C-alpha atoms as a PDB file:
ATOM      1  CA  MET A   1      68.273  91.858 116.111  1.00  0.00           C
ATOM      2  CA  GLU A   2      71.083  89.312 116.091  1.00  0.00           C
ATOM      3  CA  GLU A   3      74.714  90.236 115.490  1.00  0.00           C
ATOM      4  CA  VAL A   4      76.286  88.240 112.707  1.00  0.00           C
ATOM      5  CA  SER A   5      79.803  87.015 113.372  1.00  0.00           C
ATOM      6  CA  LEU A   6      82.067  86.754 110.339  1.00  0.00           C
ATOM      7  CA  SER A   7      84.522  84.419 112.010  1.00  0.00           C
ATOM      8  CA  GLU A   8      84.176  80.658 112.026  1.00  0.00           C
ATOM      9  CA  PRO A   9      83.073  78.949 115.189  1.00  0.00           C
ATOM     10  CA  GLY A  10      86.037  78.186 117.404  1.00  0.00           C
ATOM     11  CA  SER A  11      88.323  80.801 115.867  1.00  0.00           C
ATOM     12  CA  PRO A  12      89.092  83.976 117.760  1.00  0.00           C
ATOM     13  CA  ALA A  13      87.072  87.015 116.708  1.00  0.00           C
ATOM     14  CA  GLY A  14      88.772  89.512 114.398  1.00  0.00           C
ATOM     15  CA  CYS A  15      91.053  87.020 112.625  1.00  0.00           C
ATOM     16  CA  GLN A  16      89.151  87.106 109.355  1.00  0.00           C
ATOM     17  CA  THR A  17      90.633  88.845 106.324  1.00  0.00           C
ATOM     18  CA  ILE A  18      88.763  90.943 103.805  1.00  0.00           C
ATOM     19  CA  LEU A  19      88.382  87.964 101.484  1.00  0.00           C
ATOM     20  CA  GLY A  20      86.631  85.972 104.192  1.00  0.00           C
ATOM     21  CA  GLU A  21      89.605  83.741 104.967  1.00  0.00           C
ATOM     22  CA  THR A  22      90.487  83.007 108.541  1.00  0.00           C
ATOM     23  CA  GLN A  23      94.006  83.078 109.927  1.00  0.00           C
ATOM     24  CA  ASP A  24      95.656  82.172 113.162  1.00  0.00           C
ATOM     25  CA  GLU A  25      97.121  85.189 114.896  1.00  0.00           C
ATOM     26  CA  GLU A  26     100.446  83.374 115.294  1.00  0.00           C
ATOM     27  CA  ASP A  27     100.769  82.972 111.496  1.00  0.00           C
ATOM     28  CA  GLU A  28     100.377  86.683 110.897  1.00  0.00           C
ATOM     29  CA  ILE A  29     103.884  88.171 110.807  1.00  0.00           C
ATOM     30  CA  LEU A  30     103.246  91.276 108.704  1.00  0.00           C
ATOM     31  CA  PRO A  31     100.570  93.861 109.475  1.00  0.00           C
ATOM     32  CA  ARG A  32      97.235  93.202 107.830  1.00  0.00           C
ATOM     33  CA  LYS A  33      96.336  95.293 104.802  1.00  0.00           C
ATOM     34  CA  ASP A  34      92.652  95.733 105.627  1.00  0.00           C
ATOM     35  CA  CYS A  35      92.788  99.456 104.992  1.00  0.00           C
ATOM     36  CA  GLU A  36      94.756 101.809 102.786  1.00  0.00           C
ATOM     37  CA  SER A  37      98.226 102.708 103.988  1.00  0.00           C
ATOM     38  CA  LEU A  38      99.926 105.929 103.022  1.00  0.00           C
ATOM     39  CA  ASP A  39     103.220 104.971 104.647  1.00  0.00           C
ATOM     40  CA  TYR A  40     104.952 103.537 101.559  1.00  0.00           C
ATOM     41  CA  ASP A  41     106.130 100.482 103.445  1.00  0.00           C
ATOM     42  CA  ARG A  42     108.922  98.400 101.996  1.00  0.00           C
ATOM     43  CA  CYS A  43     107.890  95.219 100.303  1.00  0.00           C
ATOM     44  CA  ILE A  44     109.064  92.519 102.671  1.00  0.00           C
ATOM     45  CA  ASN A  45     109.158  89.132 100.991  1.00  0.00           C
ATOM     46  CA  GLU A  46     111.213  85.983 101.408  1.00  0.00           C
ATOM     47  CA  PRO A  47     114.090  86.845  99.018  1.00  0.00           C
ATOM     48  CA  TYR A  48     114.425  90.304 100.577  1.00  0.00           C
ATOM     49  CA  VAL A  49     114.500  88.834 104.086  1.00  0.00           C
ATOM     50  CA  GLU A  50     117.157  86.309 102.981  1.00  0.00           C
ATOM     51  CA  VAL A  51     119.318  89.130 101.621  1.00  0.00           C
ATOM     52  CA  LEU A  52     118.926  91.118 104.838  1.00  0.00           C
ATOM     53  CA  GLU A  53     119.739  88.127 107.015  1.00  0.00           C
ATOM     54  CA  GLY A  54     122.860  87.375 104.940  1.00  0.00           C
ATOM     55  CA  MET A  55     124.287  90.879 105.481  1.00  0.00           C
ATOM     56  CA  ASN A  56     126.471  91.926 108.344  1.00  0.00           C
ATOM     57  CA  THR A  57     126.208  95.398 109.890  1.00  0.00           C
ATOM     58  CA  LYS A  58     128.829  97.005 107.651  1.00  0.00           C
ATOM     59  CA  ASN A  59     127.252  95.685 104.446  1.00  0.00           C
ATOM     60  CA  ALA A  60     123.804  96.744 105.630  1.00  0.00           C
ATOM     61  CA  GLN A  61     125.030 100.292 106.308  1.00  0.00           C
ATOM     62  CA  LYS A  62     126.724 100.409 102.904  1.00  0.00           C
ATOM     63  CA  TYR A  63     123.490  99.150 101.289  1.00  0.00           C
ATOM     64  CA  GLU A  64     121.442 101.872 102.998  1.00  0.00           C
ATOM     65  CA  ALA A  65     123.994 104.568 102.074  1.00  0.00           C
ATOM     66  CA  VAL A  66     123.952 103.539  98.408  1.00  0.00           C
ATOM     67  CA  ARG A  67     120.174 103.438  98.490  1.00  0.00           C
ATOM     68  CA  TRP A  68     119.915 106.988  99.855  1.00  0.00           C
ATOM     69  CA  MET A  69     122.521 108.270  97.377  1.00  0.00           C
ATOM     70  CA  LEU A  70     120.460 106.754  94.566  1.00  0.00           C
ATOM     71  CA  VAL A  71     117.319 108.456  95.889  1.00  0.00           C
ATOM     72  CA  PHE A  72     119.225 111.756  96.090  1.00  0.00           C
ATOM     73  CA  ALA A  73     120.551 111.337  92.519  1.00  0.00           C
ATOM     74  CA  ILE A  74     117.049 110.632  91.222  1.00  0.00           C
ATOM     75  CA  GLY A  75     115.731 113.735  92.998  1.00  0.00           C
ATOM     76  CA  VAL A  76     118.482 115.957  91.590  1.00  0.00           C
ATOM     77  CA  SER A  77     117.914 114.537  88.107  1.00  0.00           C
ATOM     78  CA  VAL A  78     114.188 115.228  88.269  1.00  0.00           C
ATOM     79  CA  GLY A  79     114.900 118.773  89.451  1.00  0.00           C
ATOM     80  CA  LEU A  80     117.361 119.389  86.596  1.00  0.00           C
ATOM     81  CA  VAL A  81     114.865 118.082  84.049  1.00  0.00           C
ATOM     82  CA  GLY A  82     112.311 120.534  85.472  1.00  0.00           C
ATOM     83  CA  LEU A  83     114.790 123.417  85.162  1.00  0.00           C
ATOM     84  CA  PHE A  84     115.617 122.517  81.549  1.00  0.00           C
ATOM     85  CA  VAL A  85     111.926 122.279  80.655  1.00  0.00           C
ATOM     86  CA  ASP A  86     111.242 125.668  82.261  1.00  0.00           C
ATOM     87  CA  PHE A  87     114.239 127.258  80.498  1.00  0.00           C
ATOM     88  CA  PHE A  88     113.278 125.963  77.048  1.00  0.00           C
ATOM     89  CA  VAL A  89     109.595 126.862  77.472  1.00  0.00           C
ATOM     90  CA  ARG A  90     110.598 130.452  78.270  1.00  0.00           C
ATOM     91  CA  LEU A  91     113.106 130.515  75.388  1.00  0.00           C
ATOM     92  CA  PHE A  92     110.616 129.220  72.815  1.00  0.00           C
ATOM     93  CA  THR A  93     107.915 131.581  74.122  1.00  0.00           C
ATOM     94  CA  LYS A  94     110.219 134.583  73.641  1.00  0.00           C
ATOM     95  CA  LEU A  95     111.173 133.410  70.141  1.00  0.00           C
ATOM     96  CA  LYS A  96     107.536 132.898  69.204  1.00  0.00           C
ATOM     97  CA  LEU A  97     106.470 136.319  70.499  1.00  0.00           C
ATOM     98  CA  ASN A  98     109.378 138.061  68.744  1.00  0.00           C
ATOM     99  CA  LEU A  99     108.566 136.307  65.461  1.00  0.00           C
ATOM    100  CA  LEU A 100     104.861 137.123  65.725  1.00  0.00           C
ATOM    101  CA  GLY A 101     105.638 140.734  66.602  1.00  0.00           C
ATOM    102  CA  LYS A 102     107.842 141.102  63.530  1.00  0.00           C
ATOM    103  CA  CYS A 103     105.220 139.468  61.308  1.00  0.00           C
ATOM    104  CA  ILE A 104     102.427 141.671  62.631  1.00  0.00           C
ATOM    105  CA  HIS A 105     104.569 144.773  62.216  1.00  0.00           C
ATOM    106  CA  PHE A 106     105.422 143.732  58.625  1.00  0.00           C
ATOM    107  CA  TRP A 107     101.767 143.009  57.759  1.00  0.00           C
ATOM    108  CA  LYS A 108     100.647 146.335  59.256  1.00  0.00           C
ATOM    109  CA  MET A 109     103.176 148.216  57.148  1.00  0.00           C
ATOM    110  CA  GLU A 110     102.067 146.428  53.967  1.00  0.00           C
ATOM    111  CA  TYR A 111      98.410 147.075  54.783  1.00  0.00           C
ATOM    112  CA  PHE A 112      98.971 150.777  55.354  1.00  0.00           C
ATOM    113  CA  THR A 113     101.143 151.156  52.258  1.00  0.00           C
ATOM    114  CA  GLN A 114      98.423 149.499  50.184  1.00  0.00           C
ATOM    115  CA  LYS A 115      95.805 151.854  51.666  1.00  0.00           C
ATOM    116  CA  LEU A 116      98.002 154.878  50.956  1.00  0.00           C
ATOM    117  CA  GLN A 117      98.442 153.760  47.359  1.00  0.00           C
ATOM    118  CA  TYR A 118      94.663 153.368  47.073  1.00  0.00           C
ATOM    119  CA  PHE A 119      94.105 156.994  48.073  1.00  0.00           C
ATOM    120  CA  LYS A 120      96.720 158.372  45.602  1.00  0.00           C
END
């Protein structure tokens, strides 16, 4: 049985993308996305690279610090929203159960008073 090569003749083996395109290894700057990545890599594109190249070390550190503070603020906000949701769910559950308990108690009393009047 013959092995079928997916690469074009004259191109090095393993330089073919999923879509069947061939690339030179020198042109490939970023890692290939042939398989799923769970690393949450940053999107590196030309405008982003231009911004990074235009920054000096102090601005880059300030940029990273602001970025991490924003991530922290988002995390705290999500946590507070979760606490508020939990608090109000418990509050409304207690109110509902108290209201239902009072209604059931009231209906029981009316039912028994009607039965007592029936037997008089």
